[in-house]
C-alpha atoms as a PDB file:
ATOM      1  CA  ALA A   1     -46.634  19.630 -42.098  1.00  0.00           C
ATOM      2  CA  ILE A   2     -47.906  18.489 -45.480  1.00  0.00           C
ATOM      3  CA  THR A   3     -50.285  15.177 -45.182  1.00  0.00           C
ATOM      4  CA  ALA A   4     -50.524  13.006 -47.962  1.00  0.00           C
ATOM      5  CA  PRO A   5     -53.922  13.082 -49.769  1.00  0.00           C
ATOM      6  CA  THR A   6     -54.382   9.527 -49.707  1.00  0.00           C
ATOM      7  CA  ARG A   7     -53.114   6.235 -48.158  1.00  0.00           C
ATOM      8  CA  THR A   8     -53.915   2.265 -48.615  1.00  0.00           C
ATOM      9  CA  ARG A   9     -54.916   0.109 -45.934  1.00  0.00           C
ATOM     10  CA  THR A  10     -55.388  -3.989 -46.105  1.00  0.00           C
ATOM     11  CA  GLY A  11     -58.590  -5.272 -45.109  1.00  0.00           C
ATOM     12  CA  ASP A  12     -58.904  -6.645 -41.287  1.00  0.00           C
ATOM     13  CA  ALA A  13     -60.621  -9.757 -42.643  1.00  0.00           C
ATOM     14  CA  ASN A  14     -57.982 -10.759 -45.189  1.00  0.00           C
ATOM     15  CA  LEU A  15     -57.331 -14.637 -45.489  1.00  0.00           C
ATOM     16  CA  SER A  16     -53.947 -14.056 -46.890  1.00  0.00           C
ATOM     17  CA  GLU A  17     -50.711 -12.162 -45.944  1.00  0.00           C
ATOM     18  CA  PHE A  18     -50.174  -9.825 -48.935  1.00  0.00           C
ATOM     19  CA  LYS A  19     -48.568  -6.617 -48.257  1.00  0.00           C
ATOM     20  CA  ILE A  20     -48.793  -3.204 -50.163  1.00  0.00           C
ATOM     21  CA  ILE A  21     -44.979  -2.269 -51.153  1.00  0.00           C
ATOM     22  CA  GLN A  22     -45.616   1.153 -52.853  1.00  0.00           C
ATOM     23  CA  THR A  23     -48.261   3.781 -52.793  1.00  0.00           C
ATOM     24  CA  GLU A  24     -47.562   7.224 -55.008  1.00  0.00           C
ATOM     25  CA  ILE A  25     -49.688   9.830 -56.373  1.00  0.00           C
ATOM     26  CA  ILE A  26     -49.476  10.176 -60.177  1.00  0.00           C
ATOM     27  CA  ASP A  27     -51.469  12.733 -61.154  1.00  0.00           C
ATOM     28  CA  VAL A  28     -52.276  15.506 -58.378  1.00  0.00           C
ATOM     29  CA  ALA A  29     -55.214  17.092 -60.689  1.00  0.00           C
ATOM     30  CA  ASP A  30     -57.482  13.737 -60.964  1.00  0.00           C
ATOM     31  CA  PRO A  31     -60.883  15.223 -59.559  1.00  0.00           C
ATOM     32  CA  ASN A  32     -61.101  11.645 -58.145  1.00  0.00           C
ATOM     33  CA  LEU A  33     -57.833  11.685 -55.830  1.00  0.00           C
ATOM     34  CA  LEU A  34     -59.529  12.565 -52.682  1.00  0.00           C
ATOM     35  CA  ASN A  35     -62.541   9.755 -53.206  1.00  0.00           C
ATOM     36  CA  SER A  36     -62.190   6.173 -50.676  1.00  0.00           C
ATOM     37  CA  VAL A  37     -62.632   3.202 -52.758  1.00  0.00           C
ATOM     38  CA  THR A  38     -62.390  -0.572 -51.827  1.00  0.00           C
ATOM     39  CA  ILE A  39     -60.696  -2.780 -54.399  1.00  0.00           C
ATOM     40  CA  GLN A  40     -61.998  -6.375 -53.722  1.00  0.00           C
ATOM     41  CA  PHE A  41     -60.450  -9.374 -55.117  1.00  0.00           C
ATOM     42  CA  THR A  42     -63.218 -12.047 -56.098  1.00  0.00           C
ATOM     43  CA  ASP A  43     -60.160 -14.725 -56.701  1.00  0.00           C
ATOM     44  CA  PRO A  44     -56.601 -14.470 -56.698  1.00  0.00           C
ATOM     45  CA  THR A  45     -56.081 -13.346 -60.410  1.00  0.00           C
ATOM     46  CA  THR A  46     -59.235 -10.811 -60.466  1.00  0.00           C
ATOM     47  CA  TYR A  47     -60.690  -7.836 -58.477  1.00  0.00           C
ATOM     48  CA  SER A  48     -63.466  -5.205 -58.383  1.00  0.00           C
ATOM     49  CA  ILE A  49     -63.541  -1.783 -57.793  1.00  0.00           C
ATOM     50  CA  ASN A  50     -66.340  -0.615 -54.895  1.00  0.00           C
ATOM     51  CA  GLY A  51     -68.221  -3.689 -56.265  1.00  0.00           C
ATOM     52  CA  ALA A  52     -67.986  -3.215 -60.160  1.00  0.00           C
ATOM     53  CA  GLY A  53     -65.934  -4.650 -62.883  1.00  0.00           C
ATOM     54  CA  ALA A  54     -63.519  -7.781 -63.172  1.00  0.00           C
ATOM     55  CA  TYR A  55     -60.061  -6.307 -63.620  1.00  0.00           C
ATOM     56  CA  ALA A  56     -57.219  -8.805 -63.989  1.00  0.00           C
ATOM     57  CA  TYR A  57     -54.138  -8.987 -61.640  1.00  0.00           C
ATOM     58  CA  ALA A  58     -50.935 -10.917 -61.316  1.00  0.00           C
ATOM     59  CA  SER A  59     -48.823 -10.505 -58.201  1.00  0.00           C
ATOM     60  CA  GLY A  60     -46.724  -7.670 -58.000  1.00  0.00           C
ATOM     61  CA  ASP A  61     -48.950  -5.662 -60.726  1.00  0.00           C
ATOM     62  CA  GLU A  62     -49.684  -1.906 -60.298  1.00  0.00           C
ATOM     63  CA  ILE A  63     -53.427  -0.804 -59.769  1.00  0.00           C
ATOM     64  CA  THR A  64     -54.006   2.805 -60.820  1.00  0.00           C
ATOM     65  CA  ILE A  65     -57.098   4.579 -59.810  1.00  0.00           C
ATOM     66  CA  ASN A  66     -57.943   7.733 -59.202  1.00  0.00           C
ATOM     67  CA  GLY A  67     -54.788   9.396 -59.462  1.00  0.00           C
ATOM     68  CA  SER A  68     -52.999   6.897 -57.240  1.00  0.00           C
ATOM     69  CA  ARG A  69     -50.902   3.648 -58.211  1.00  0.00           C
ATOM     70  CA  PHE A  70     -49.854   1.295 -55.738  1.00  0.00           C
ATOM     71  CA  THR A  71     -48.384  -2.290 -56.082  1.00  0.00           C
ATOM     72  CA  ILE A  72     -48.831  -5.283 -53.603  1.00  0.00           C
ATOM     73  CA  SER A  73     -46.862  -8.357 -53.304  1.00  0.00           C
ATOM     74  CA  GLY A  74     -48.187 -12.045 -52.570  1.00  0.00           C
ATOM     75  CA  THR A  75     -51.452 -13.564 -53.785  1.00  0.00           C
ATOM     76  CA  PRO A  76     -54.490 -12.127 -52.541  1.00  0.00           C
ATOM     77  CA  GLN A  77     -57.287 -14.557 -52.003  1.00  0.00           C
ATOM     78  CA  ALA A  78     -61.052 -14.385 -52.834  1.00  0.00           C
ATOM     79  CA  GLY A  79     -62.348 -11.824 -50.335  1.00  0.00           C
ATOM     80  CA  ASP A  80     -59.637 -10.030 -49.472  1.00  0.00           C
ATOM     81  CA  ALA A  81     -59.731  -6.310 -49.751  1.00  0.00           C
ATOM     82  CA  VAL A  82     -57.593  -3.199 -50.069  1.00  0.00           C
ATOM     83  CA  SER A  83     -58.870   0.460 -49.618  1.00  0.00           C
ATOM     84  CA  LEU A  84     -57.419   3.276 -51.333  1.00  0.00           C
ATOM     85  CA  LEU A  85     -58.407   6.039 -48.623  1.00  0.00           C
ATOM     86  CA  GLY A  86     -58.738   9.840 -49.841  1.00  0.00           C
ATOM     87  CA  ARG A  87     -58.553  12.478 -46.752  1.00  0.00           C
ATOM     88  CA  GLY A  88     -61.319  11.356 -43.931  1.00  0.00           C
ATOM     89  CA  GLY A  89     -62.117   8.093 -45.532  1.00  0.00           C
ATOM     90  CA  TYR A  90     -62.093   4.547 -42.887  1.00  0.00           C
ATOM     91  CA  GLY A  91     -62.255   1.848 -45.669  1.00  0.00           C
ATOM     92  CA  VAL A  92     -62.369  -1.675 -45.093  1.00  0.00           C
END
């Protein structure tokens, strides 16, 4: 059996009920593909990656990082998080 190199997970302490509706690998050659990252929403329209940056977000936007892309539906609240987990990653 082939195991997917990454997976996504929402944070256990999330306040909203947004859902991850699609995850896909778009670049298997990305050197960071197996690295785990945490996307944390600072408000419903902005998120950071591993605590850095301020990236604009609207419900249904694709989030692309480390050779992976995923989409969420719903409106996240400040403090909500999503982890993109490489093999062996545990995330939020």
